[in-house]
Amino acid sequence: MSPNAPNVAASSQPQAIDLTHMFIPHLRKHQKSPFKAVMGNPTLEMINMAGGVPNPSTFPLLQIQAKVRTSPSLNSEQDGMLSLEHTQLNGSTESLNELLQYNDGRGMASYCRFLRQFTQTAHSPKYADWDVIASCGNTDSIAKAVSLFCQQGDHIIVEKYTFPGALSNLEFAKIKPVPVSMDNEGVVPEALDALCSGWSGSSPLRAIYLIPTGQNPTGATMSLERRKAIYATAQKHNLVIIEDDPYYFLQYGPMQDSTDKPSVADMRKQLLVPSLLSLDTDGRVIRLDSFSKILAPNLRCGWITAPQYMLDRLQILNESTILQPSGLTQGVISRMLNDVWGIKGWIDHLCTLRADYAARRNLFVQMAREHLAGMATFTVPTAGMFLWMKIDLGAASADSTAMPRLLEAMKKCGVMMAPGMPFNVGTDDTATSVPEYYLRAAFALADTDMFAPALKRLGQAIASIRDSVLPDKQSAVHTKPISTTALAAQITVNGSN
């Protein structure tokens, strides 16, 4: 098998069902570039004078060296060194010249080879013709996956609260999000079934976009039973599931009273909730993974797992937009994962991250319980980076300006958290007699010794709104409720957050 050969699992596994008829009409006809279709890939025997490709001898980068953090499974700092040489194969990774040269939209062979192996280890897909393709991270992957099945004017099912970057993608493409109810485990299967059964929109529902683990913003993680129910509902209504799962490998389990960091050995023993991909027997799950939360965001690299024929279309979309993620970045990641860490070292790294986030979550929740007693309620997350808090503003809750006033009070007190409104899909929390107010606290970035001061400041801001006199009619004329768009502009809700 060649390094770029697609995955072919055991012949005893079934093939993915063909959902090509659900592609938007344009993509059903869309073929790869006529130039590439005619030329194919040149062989070593050919004298290649077809492509507008620079000569590698002109590349001024002759060597790249990097010192990477030593994995717990490695023994010395020397083991954490990697290099990329310009003309020679670097272990199992391509030469620097190859990494810097144009390539196809599939991704570098060594990069995809590792991710194929890791996906098999982590998820063991249950159909034969699955494979992976390189991506520029999940925000770009969302747009491409959605565009297979939805076009302007279509609808797609999303969680009631969801990632603003996904909503921005949908708004730009003029695709309408249809919210479905959530509880502390994410999407409610009965609500999804009822939505699909009663759907009478202008276009059929073909896909659901969801974040099943450490959900952004709510922190909810679907249990195995919930995932099975969601998958069965998707089968019943013939939905494609876009599984956006950047926090999957940041699962850390139930709350612990100790604030000590769990050991890597403890994390290695803890089982992860199986992914939707691992339950997929039809080939209806498009799984999106990213290195943004588990290596570094601006590497801008990830991968998509799906049936081969879907990846063929996604390759065309890559080649029409980004061509491929940075070959240099893929090369650094490939060299580190293939030749420095290996699968064992990579898993140790992920377990180290999980241990760190478990300790952060435990401490932050303890501090929240101490400093926000009677002011906020929340469900303790078992994965991800977020604590989703329902804020009790007392009598001030009836005031339509309460949340903007709270955000201003938080600024004055010196703390910033994301309000729930920019994550809210198509519903108005102020429509009820007593609006519900939410804040998303991300405990990943701040130093842990800042947890208590941040929550104390939040408590002070909440108390100031509770104790304030509601604006009278005169001041209310000048204090209009802030729109979701304007509110989103006030806070840092970055497209990758």
Protein backbone atom coordinates (compact mmCIF):
# COMPACT_ATOMS: atom_id res chain seq x y z
CA MET A 1 0.00 0.00 0.00
CA SER A 2 1.36 3.44 -0.88
CA PRO A 3 1.72 6.05 1.91
CA ASN A 4 -1.21 8.00 0.47
CA ALA A 5 -3.45 4.97 0.04
CA PRO A 6 -6.85 5.40 1.68
CA ASN A 7 -7.78 3.36 4.69
CA VAL A 8 -9.29 -0.01 3.91
CA ALA A 9 -10.46 -1.84 7.00
CA ALA A 10 -11.14 -5.55 7.36
CA SER A 11 -13.28 -6.88 4.54
CA SER A 12 -15.69 -8.26 7.13
CA GLN A 13 -16.84 -4.71 7.91
CA PRO A 14 -19.70 -3.22 5.88
CA GLN A 15 -19.24 -0.35 3.45
CA ALA A 16 -20.69 3.04 4.29
CA ILE A 17 -24.15 3.62 2.90
CA ASP A 18 -24.25 5.99 -0.06
CA LEU A 19 -25.68 9.37 0.92
CA THR A 20 -24.58 11.11 -2.28
CA HIS A 21 -28.23 11.85 -3.09
CA MET A 22 -28.25 14.14 -0.03
CA PHE A 23 -25.41 16.30 -1.35
CA ILE A 24 -26.52 19.69 -2.59
CA PRO A 25 -27.10 19.54 -6.38
CA HIS A 26 -24.01 21.57 -7.24
CA LEU A 27 -21.72 19.17 -5.38
CA ARG A 28 -23.27 16.05 -6.87
CA LYS A 29 -21.93 17.23 -10.22
CA HIS A 30 -18.75 18.87 -8.96
CA GLN A 31 -15.60 17.08 -10.12
CA LYS A 32 -11.96 17.66 -9.37
CA SER A 33 -10.07 20.28 -11.35
CA PRO A 34 -10.04 19.45 -15.10
CA PHE A 35 -6.28 20.02 -15.08
CA LYS A 36 -5.70 17.51 -12.28
CA ALA A 37 -8.21 15.09 -13.74
CA VAL A 38 -6.27 15.04 -17.02
CA MET A 39 -2.75 15.14 -15.62
CA GLY A 40 -3.14 12.97 -12.52
CA ASN A 41 -0.02 12.64 -10.35
CA PRO A 42 3.30 12.65 -12.20
CA THR A 43 5.53 9.61 -11.70
CA LEU A 44 9.28 9.69 -11.14
CA GLU A 45 9.82 8.57 -14.72
CA MET A 46 8.01 11.63 -16.12
CA ILE A 47 9.70 14.90 -16.95
CA ASN A 48 7.20 17.18 -15.25
CA MET A 49 6.73 20.43 -17.14
CA ALA A 50 2.99 20.77 -16.53
CA GLY A 51 2.53 22.53 -13.21
CA GLY A 52 3.22 26.11 -12.20
CA VAL A 53 5.48 24.85 -9.43
CA PRO A 54 8.65 26.56 -8.14
CA ASN A 55 11.96 24.71 -8.12
CA PRO A 56 12.82 23.48 -4.61
CA SER A 57 16.41 24.64 -5.02
CA THR A 58 15.09 28.18 -4.66
CA PHE A 59 13.62 27.52 -1.21
CA PRO A 60 15.80 29.39 1.32
CA LEU A 61 14.73 27.21 4.28
CA LEU A 62 17.33 24.45 4.45
CA GLN A 63 16.65 23.06 7.90
CA ILE A 64 14.04 23.47 10.61
CA GLN A 65 14.77 22.44 14.20
CA ALA A 66 12.40 22.43 17.13
CA LYS A 67 12.65 21.41 20.75
CA VAL A 68 9.38 19.86 21.90
CA ARG A 69 8.22 19.17 25.40
CA THR A 70 9.29 15.72 26.44
CA SER A 71 6.39 13.30 26.67
CA PRO A 72 6.04 11.42 29.99
CA SER A 73 6.97 8.26 28.11
CA LEU A 74 10.33 9.69 26.94
CA ASN A 75 13.47 9.69 29.04
CA SER A 76 15.64 12.63 28.04
CA GLU A 77 15.47 16.13 26.68
CA GLN A 78 17.39 14.96 23.62
CA ASP A 79 14.39 12.79 22.77
CA GLY A 80 12.37 15.99 22.49
CA MET A 81 14.39 17.39 19.59
CA LEU A 82 13.17 17.22 16.00
CA SER A 83 14.58 18.46 12.74
CA LEU A 84 13.46 18.70 9.13
CA GLU A 85 16.16 18.56 6.46
CA HIS A 86 15.54 20.05 3.03
CA THR A 87 16.45 17.16 0.74
CA GLN A 88 16.16 13.98 2.78
CA LEU A 89 13.38 11.97 4.35
CA ASN A 90 13.13 12.87 8.03
CA GLY A 91 12.40 9.58 9.74
CA SER A 92 8.94 8.75 8.43
CA THR A 93 8.26 12.40 7.55
CA GLU A 94 8.73 14.03 4.15
CA SER A 95 11.73 16.20 3.33
CA LEU A 96 11.47 19.92 4.00
CA ASN A 97 11.42 20.54 0.25
CA GLU A 98 8.35 18.29 -0.10
CA LEU A 99 6.64 19.93 2.88
CA LEU A 100 7.21 23.40 1.42
CA GLN A 101 6.03 22.41 -2.07
CA TYR A 102 2.46 22.40 -3.40
CA ASN A 103 0.55 19.23 -2.58
CA ASP A 104 -3.00 18.00 -3.01
CA GLY A 105 -5.91 18.78 -0.70
CA ARG A 106 -5.66 15.48 1.10
CA GLY A 107 -2.76 16.42 3.32
CA MET A 108 0.81 15.18 3.69
CA ALA A 109 1.11 11.41 3.57
CA SER A 110 3.00 10.97 6.86
CA TYR A 111 0.60 13.32 8.70
CA CYS A 112 -2.49 11.48 7.48
CA ARG A 113 -0.88 8.10 8.09
CA PHE A 114 -0.45 8.86 11.80
CA LEU A 115 -3.97 10.26 12.12
CA ARG A 116 -5.41 7.22 10.37
CA GLN A 117 -3.61 4.97 12.86
CA PHE A 118 -4.68 7.09 15.83
CA THR A 119 -8.31 7.23 14.68
CA GLN A 120 -8.34 3.45 14.46
CA THR A 121 -6.89 3.24 17.98
CA ALA A 122 -9.21 5.85 19.51
CA HIS A 123 -12.49 5.16 17.69
CA SER A 124 -12.31 1.86 15.75
CA PRO A 125 -14.84 2.92 13.06
CA LYS A 126 -17.33 0.17 12.28
CA TYR A 127 -17.46 0.44 8.49
CA ALA A 128 -14.70 -0.35 6.03
CA ASP A 129 -14.27 2.63 3.70
CA TRP A 130 -13.53 5.44 6.17
CA ASP A 131 -10.49 7.66 5.91
CA VAL A 132 -9.05 10.97 7.11
CA ILE A 133 -8.21 14.23 5.39
CA ALA A 134 -6.14 17.15 6.69
CA SER A 135 -7.97 20.32 7.72
CA CYS A 136 -7.15 23.85 8.85
CA GLY A 137 -8.95 23.27 12.14
CA ASN A 138 -12.61 22.86 12.92
CA THR A 139 -13.96 26.29 12.03
CA ASP A 140 -12.97 25.75 8.42
CA SER A 141 -14.06 22.10 8.60
CA ILE A 142 -17.55 23.09 9.80
CA ALA A 143 -18.07 25.30 6.75
CA LYS A 144 -16.93 22.57 4.37
CA ALA A 145 -18.87 19.74 6.01
CA VAL A 146 -22.07 21.80 6.11
CA SER A 147 -21.64 22.83 2.47
CA LEU A 148 -21.89 19.19 1.36
CA PHE A 149 -25.51 19.00 2.47
CA CYS A 150 -26.81 22.56 2.79
CA GLN A 151 -26.96 25.53 0.44
CA GLN A 152 -28.39 29.03 0.63
CA GLY A 153 -31.91 28.97 2.11
CA ASP A 154 -31.57 25.48 3.59
CA HIS A 155 -31.89 24.61 7.27
CA ILE A 156 -29.60 22.70 9.61
CA ILE A 157 -30.30 21.47 13.14
CA VAL A 158 -28.05 22.86 15.88
CA GLU A 159 -28.01 22.84 19.68
CA LYS A 160 -29.94 25.68 21.31
CA TYR A 161 -26.65 27.10 22.56
CA THR A 162 -23.69 26.56 20.25
CA PHE A 163 -20.32 27.74 18.97
CA PRO A 164 -20.49 31.31 17.55
CA GLY A 165 -17.96 30.41 14.84
CA ALA A 166 -20.40 27.82 13.49
CA LEU A 167 -23.23 30.35 13.57
CA SER A 168 -21.06 32.86 11.69
CA ASN A 169 -20.36 30.24 9.04
CA LEU A 170 -24.07 29.52 8.66
CA GLU A 171 -24.97 33.21 8.51
CA PHE A 172 -22.36 33.85 5.81
CA ALA A 173 -23.69 30.90 3.76
CA LYS A 174 -27.30 32.03 4.35
CA ILE A 175 -28.14 28.66 5.92
CA LYS A 176 -30.71 28.84 8.71
CA PRO A 177 -29.94 27.17 12.06
CA VAL A 178 -32.86 25.34 13.67
CA PRO A 179 -32.32 25.02 17.44
CA VAL A 180 -33.13 21.87 19.38
CA SER A 181 -33.55 21.73 23.16
CA MET A 182 -30.68 20.77 25.46
CA ASP A 183 -30.28 19.52 29.00
CA ASN A 184 -27.17 18.86 31.08
CA GLU A 185 -26.12 16.12 28.60
CA GLY A 186 -26.64 18.18 25.46
CA VAL A 187 -29.27 17.56 22.78
CA VAL A 188 -32.46 15.93 24.06
CA PRO A 189 -33.25 12.95 21.78
CA GLU A 190 -37.03 13.28 22.19
CA ALA A 191 -36.84 16.94 21.22
CA LEU A 192 -34.77 16.07 18.15
CA ASP A 193 -37.25 13.38 17.15
CA ALA A 194 -40.20 15.75 17.61
CA LEU A 195 -38.49 18.48 15.60
CA CYS A 196 -37.79 16.16 12.68
CA SER A 197 -41.21 14.49 12.80
CA GLY A 198 -43.03 17.82 12.76
CA TRP A 199 -40.77 19.59 10.30
CA SER A 200 -42.62 21.54 7.62
CA GLY A 201 -39.90 23.92 6.47
CA SER A 202 -39.20 24.93 2.90
CA SER A 203 -36.26 22.52 2.61
CA PRO A 204 -35.72 19.09 4.17
CA LEU A 205 -33.57 18.62 7.25
CA ARG A 206 -30.49 16.72 6.14
CA ALA A 207 -27.93 17.34 8.90
CA ILE A 208 -27.39 18.11 12.56
CA TYR A 209 -24.33 19.97 13.83
CA LEU A 210 -23.39 19.25 17.43
CA ILE A 211 -20.54 19.34 19.96
CA PRO A 212 -20.98 16.18 22.03
CA THR A 213 -18.07 16.52 24.47
CA GLY A 214 -17.35 19.50 26.73
CA GLN A 215 -19.90 21.38 24.67
CA ASN A 216 -19.20 25.01 23.81
CA PRO A 217 -20.60 26.95 25.66
CA THR A 218 -22.49 24.73 28.14
CA GLY A 219 -19.73 22.26 29.00
CA ALA A 220 -22.22 19.38 28.58
CA THR A 221 -20.96 15.91 27.67
CA MET A 222 -23.27 13.29 26.20
CA SER A 223 -23.30 9.93 27.97
CA LEU A 224 -22.95 6.77 25.90
CA GLU A 225 -26.70 6.18 26.24
CA ARG A 226 -27.42 9.71 25.00
CA ARG A 227 -25.09 9.28 22.03
CA LYS A 228 -26.78 6.01 21.09
CA ALA A 229 -30.19 7.71 21.26
CA ILE A 230 -29.05 10.64 19.12
CA TYR A 231 -27.54 8.28 16.56
CA ALA A 232 -30.71 6.16 16.43
CA THR A 233 -32.77 9.33 15.89
CA ALA A 234 -30.44 10.40 13.08
CA GLN A 235 -30.93 6.98 11.45
CA LYS A 236 -34.70 7.25 11.83
CA HIS A 237 -34.81 10.63 10.08
CA ASN A 238 -31.83 10.03 7.74
CA LEU A 239 -29.70 12.84 9.15
CA VAL A 240 -25.99 13.33 8.68
CA ILE A 241 -24.27 14.08 12.00
CA ILE A 242 -21.47 16.65 11.95
CA GLU A 243 -19.57 15.72 15.12
CA ASP A 244 -17.48 18.76 16.07
CA ASP A 245 -15.33 17.35 18.88
CA PRO A 246 -12.27 19.51 19.69
CA TYR A 247 -12.61 18.72 23.42
CA TYR A 248 -13.01 14.94 23.09
CA PHE A 249 -9.53 14.21 24.47
CA LEU A 250 -10.06 16.63 27.36
CA GLN A 251 -12.41 14.31 29.25
CA TYR A 252 -11.52 14.15 32.93
CA GLY A 253 -14.49 12.55 34.67
CA PRO A 254 -16.53 13.40 37.80
CA MET A 255 -15.69 16.15 40.26
CA GLN A 256 -12.99 15.40 42.83
CA ASP A 257 -12.76 17.21 46.15
CA SER A 258 -8.98 17.27 45.99
CA THR A 259 -7.33 20.07 44.06
CA ASP A 260 -4.19 17.97 43.56
CA LYS A 261 -3.40 17.24 39.94
CA PRO A 262 -4.33 13.65 39.05
CA SER A 263 -1.51 11.49 37.77
CA VAL A 264 -1.03 10.58 34.14
CA ALA A 265 -1.45 6.95 35.24
CA ASP A 266 -4.88 7.80 36.70
CA MET A 267 -5.94 9.47 33.47
CA ARG A 268 -4.68 6.54 31.43
CA LYS A 269 -6.96 4.20 33.39
CA GLN A 270 -10.02 6.41 32.85
CA LEU A 271 -12.15 5.38 29.88
CA LEU A 272 -13.38 8.04 27.46
CA VAL A 273 -17.02 8.15 26.45
CA PRO A 274 -17.16 6.55 22.98
CA SER A 275 -17.50 9.02 20.12
CA LEU A 276 -20.42 9.14 17.73
CA LEU A 277 -17.96 8.02 15.04
CA SER A 278 -17.31 4.84 17.02
CA LEU A 279 -21.07 4.08 17.02
CA ASP A 280 -21.51 4.82 13.31
CA THR A 281 -22.39 1.74 11.27
CA ASP A 282 -23.82 3.67 8.30
CA GLY A 283 -21.12 6.22 7.52
CA ARG A 284 -23.41 9.14 8.42
CA VAL A 285 -21.04 10.80 10.94
CA ILE A 286 -18.56 13.40 9.71
CA ARG A 287 -16.13 13.75 12.59
CA LEU A 288 -14.11 16.96 13.01
CA ASP A 289 -10.94 16.90 15.12
CA SER A 290 -8.55 19.74 15.79
CA PHE A 291 -5.09 20.21 17.28
CA SER A 292 -6.14 23.67 18.50
CA LYS A 293 -7.04 22.63 22.04
CA ILE A 294 -4.58 19.74 22.39
CA LEU A 295 -1.39 21.14 20.79
CA ALA A 296 -1.73 24.84 19.90
CA PRO A 297 -4.45 26.91 18.16
CA ASN A 298 -2.35 28.69 15.54
CA LEU A 299 -0.89 25.51 14.14
CA ARG A 300 -4.20 25.65 12.20
CA CYS A 301 -4.27 21.91 11.68
CA GLY A 302 -6.80 19.19 12.28
CA TRP A 303 -8.42 16.31 10.47
CA ILE A 304 -11.79 15.09 9.26
CA THR A 305 -12.90 11.45 9.38
CA ALA A 306 -15.71 10.34 7.05
CA PRO A 307 -16.51 7.86 4.28
CA GLN A 308 -14.07 7.95 1.40
CA TYR A 309 -16.56 9.34 -1.13
CA MET A 310 -17.36 12.29 1.17
CA LEU A 311 -13.66 13.01 1.61
CA ASP A 312 -13.28 13.05 -2.17
CA ARG A 313 -15.68 16.00 -2.23
CA LEU A 314 -13.98 17.65 0.75
CA GLN A 315 -10.66 17.33 -1.05
CA ILE A 316 -12.14 19.27 -3.97
CA LEU A 317 -13.34 21.96 -1.54
CA ASN A 318 -9.89 22.14 0.05
CA GLU A 319 -8.23 22.51 -3.33
CA SER A 320 -10.71 25.26 -4.24
CA THR A 321 -10.06 27.27 -1.07
CA ILE A 322 -6.96 26.55 1.01
CA LEU A 323 -5.32 23.92 -1.26
CA GLN A 324 -4.18 22.21 1.95
CA PRO A 325 -3.12 23.18 5.49
CA SER A 326 0.45 24.42 5.80
CA GLY A 327 2.80 21.63 4.78
CA LEU A 328 5.42 22.98 7.19
CA THR A 329 3.00 22.76 10.11
CA GLN A 330 1.90 19.28 9.06
CA GLY A 331 5.56 18.27 8.84
CA VAL A 332 6.39 19.49 12.34
CA ILE A 333 3.34 17.70 13.77
CA SER A 334 4.08 14.56 11.76
CA ARG A 335 7.73 14.47 12.82
CA MET A 336 6.79 14.93 16.48
CA LEU A 337 4.00 12.37 16.51
CA ASN A 338 5.52 9.76 14.20
CA ASP A 339 9.19 9.91 15.12
CA VAL A 340 9.56 11.58 18.53
CA TRP A 341 6.49 10.65 20.58
CA GLY A 342 4.78 7.84 18.70
CA ILE A 343 1.25 6.71 19.60
CA LYS A 344 2.24 5.98 23.21
CA GLY A 345 3.86 9.35 23.71
CA TRP A 346 0.91 11.12 22.09
CA ILE A 347 -1.54 9.34 24.39
CA ASP A 348 0.64 10.23 27.39
CA HIS A 349 0.53 13.87 26.27
CA LEU A 350 -3.27 13.76 26.06
CA CYS A 351 -3.46 12.15 29.51
CA THR A 352 -1.24 14.93 30.87
CA LEU A 353 -3.61 17.52 29.44
CA ARG A 354 -6.61 15.74 30.94
CA ALA A 355 -4.92 15.67 34.34
CA ASP A 356 -4.20 19.40 34.13
CA TYR A 357 -7.76 20.27 33.14
CA ALA A 358 -9.21 17.99 35.82
CA ALA A 359 -7.23 19.88 38.49
CA ARG A 360 -8.30 23.22 37.00
CA ARG A 361 -11.95 22.17 36.89
CA ASN A 362 -11.86 20.87 40.48
CA LEU A 363 -10.35 24.08 41.84
CA PHE A 364 -12.55 26.40 39.79
CA VAL A 365 -15.75 24.62 40.83
CA GLN A 366 -14.71 24.71 44.49
CA MET A 367 -14.02 28.44 44.21
CA ALA A 368 -17.33 29.04 42.41
CA ARG A 369 -19.25 27.22 45.12
CA GLU A 370 -17.50 29.33 47.74
CA HIS A 371 -17.75 32.76 46.15
CA LEU A 372 -21.02 32.52 44.17
CA ALA A 373 -23.23 30.74 46.70
CA GLY A 374 -26.83 31.85 46.09
CA MET A 375 -25.80 33.82 43.01
CA ALA A 376 -25.20 31.13 40.39
CA THR A 377 -26.11 27.52 39.66
CA PHE A 378 -24.28 25.15 37.33
CA THR A 379 -23.69 21.55 36.34
CA VAL A 380 -20.13 20.39 36.97
CA PRO A 381 -18.51 19.66 33.56
CA THR A 382 -16.74 16.34 32.96
CA ALA A 383 -14.81 17.55 29.89
CA GLY A 384 -13.66 20.68 28.11
CA MET A 385 -12.79 24.17 29.29
CA PHE A 386 -16.05 25.79 30.39
CA LEU A 387 -18.30 26.28 33.40
CA TRP A 388 -21.76 27.38 32.23
CA MET A 389 -23.44 29.36 35.01
CA LYS A 390 -27.03 30.46 35.38
CA ILE A 391 -26.89 33.81 37.17
CA ASP A 392 -29.54 34.89 39.67
CA LEU A 393 -29.92 38.67 39.52
CA GLY A 394 -32.86 38.72 41.90
CA ALA A 395 -35.43 41.42 41.27
CA ALA A 396 -33.18 42.99 38.64
CA SER A 397 -33.78 39.95 36.40
CA ALA A 398 -37.03 41.50 35.19
CA ASP A 399 -35.14 44.48 33.79
CA SER A 400 -34.30 44.11 30.10
CA THR A 401 -31.01 45.97 30.64
CA ALA A 402 -29.83 43.63 33.40
CA MET A 403 -27.26 41.68 31.39
CA PRO A 404 -25.61 44.72 29.73
CA ARG A 405 -25.48 46.33 33.17
CA LEU A 406 -23.93 43.20 34.64
CA LEU A 407 -21.28 43.16 31.92
CA GLU A 408 -20.46 46.80 32.62
CA ALA A 409 -20.25 46.04 36.34
CA MET A 410 -17.94 43.09 35.60
CA LYS A 411 -15.67 45.37 33.58
CA LYS A 412 -15.49 47.83 36.46
CA CYS A 413 -14.72 44.99 38.85
CA GLY A 414 -12.02 43.71 36.51
CA VAL A 415 -13.32 40.37 35.27
CA MET A 416 -14.55 39.17 31.87
CA MET A 417 -16.71 36.15 31.07
CA ALA A 418 -18.83 35.47 28.01
CA PRO A 419 -22.59 36.12 28.27
CA GLY A 420 -24.97 33.47 26.99
CA MET A 421 -26.74 35.57 24.36
CA PRO A 422 -24.19 35.28 21.51
CA PHE A 423 -24.36 31.49 21.81
CA ASN A 424 -28.17 31.39 21.82
CA VAL A 425 -29.73 30.21 18.56
CA GLY A 426 -32.91 31.88 17.43
CA THR A 427 -34.59 32.34 20.77
CA ASP A 428 -35.00 35.36 23.00
CA ASP A 429 -34.30 34.74 26.69
CA THR A 430 -36.11 37.96 27.56
CA ALA A 431 -39.37 36.68 26.08
CA THR A 432 -40.28 34.87 29.31
CA SER A 433 -41.66 36.70 32.33
CA VAL A 434 -38.38 36.15 34.20
CA PRO A 435 -35.45 35.99 31.76
CA GLU A 436 -32.64 33.52 32.34
CA TYR A 437 -29.10 34.88 32.32
CA TYR A 438 -26.02 32.77 31.62
CA LEU A 439 -22.28 33.30 31.72
CA ARG A 440 -19.59 31.05 30.26
CA ALA A 441 -16.45 30.98 32.37
CA ALA A 442 -13.42 29.50 30.59
CA PHE A 443 -11.01 28.12 33.18
CA ALA A 444 -8.31 27.10 30.68
CA LEU A 445 -6.27 30.29 30.20
CA ALA A 446 -6.10 32.17 33.51
CA ASP A 447 -3.52 31.19 36.13
CA THR A 448 -5.15 29.12 38.85
CA ASP A 449 -4.24 31.70 41.51
CA MET A 450 -6.54 34.08 39.64
CA PHE A 451 -9.60 31.82 40.02
CA ALA A 452 -10.61 33.12 43.46
CA PRO A 453 -10.10 36.83 42.62
CA ALA A 454 -12.05 36.43 39.37
CA LEU A 455 -15.01 34.80 41.10
CA LYS A 456 -14.94 37.29 43.96
CA ARG A 457 -15.10 40.11 41.42
CA LEU A 458 -17.97 38.41 39.62
CA GLY A 459 -19.79 38.08 42.94
CA GLN A 460 -19.29 41.80 43.58
CA ALA A 461 -20.65 42.65 40.12
CA ILE A 462 -23.73 40.44 40.59
CA ALA A 463 -24.36 41.95 44.02
CA SER A 464 -24.13 45.48 42.60
CA ILE A 465 -26.86 44.71 40.05
CA ARG A 466 -29.05 43.00 42.63
CA ASP A 467 -28.75 45.94 44.97
CA SER A 468 -29.23 48.64 42.35
CA VAL A 469 -32.48 50.50 41.85
CA LEU A 470 -34.16 49.56 38.59
CA PRO A 471 -34.03 52.35 36.02
CA ASP A 472 -37.08 54.60 36.15
CA LYS A 473 -39.11 55.32 33.05
CA GLN A 474 -37.05 58.41 32.28
CA SER A 475 -33.69 56.62 32.35
CA ALA A 476 -35.12 53.59 30.56
CA VAL A 477 -35.65 55.77 27.48
CA HIS A 478 -31.88 56.20 27.35
CA THR A 479 -31.00 52.63 28.36
CA LYS A 480 -32.27 50.47 25.55
CA PRO A 481 -31.72 46.70 25.66
CA ILE A 482 -28.56 45.81 23.83
CA SER A 483 -28.85 43.58 20.76
CA THR A 484 -27.18 40.20 20.56
CA THR A 485 -24.92 41.49 17.78
CA ALA A 486 -23.81 44.51 19.77
CA LEU A 487 -23.34 42.40 22.89
CA ALA A 488 -21.19 39.94 21.00
CA ALA A 489 -19.05 42.84 19.77
CA GLN A 490 -18.40 43.90 23.38
CA ILE A 491 -16.83 40.65 24.46
CA THR A 492 -14.06 38.36 23.25
CA VAL A 493 -15.88 35.48 21.63
CA ASN A 494 -13.25 34.67 19.04
CA GLY A 495 -14.17 32.50 16.04
CA SER A 496 -11.91 29.74 17.39
CA ASN A 497 -13.20 29.89 20.97
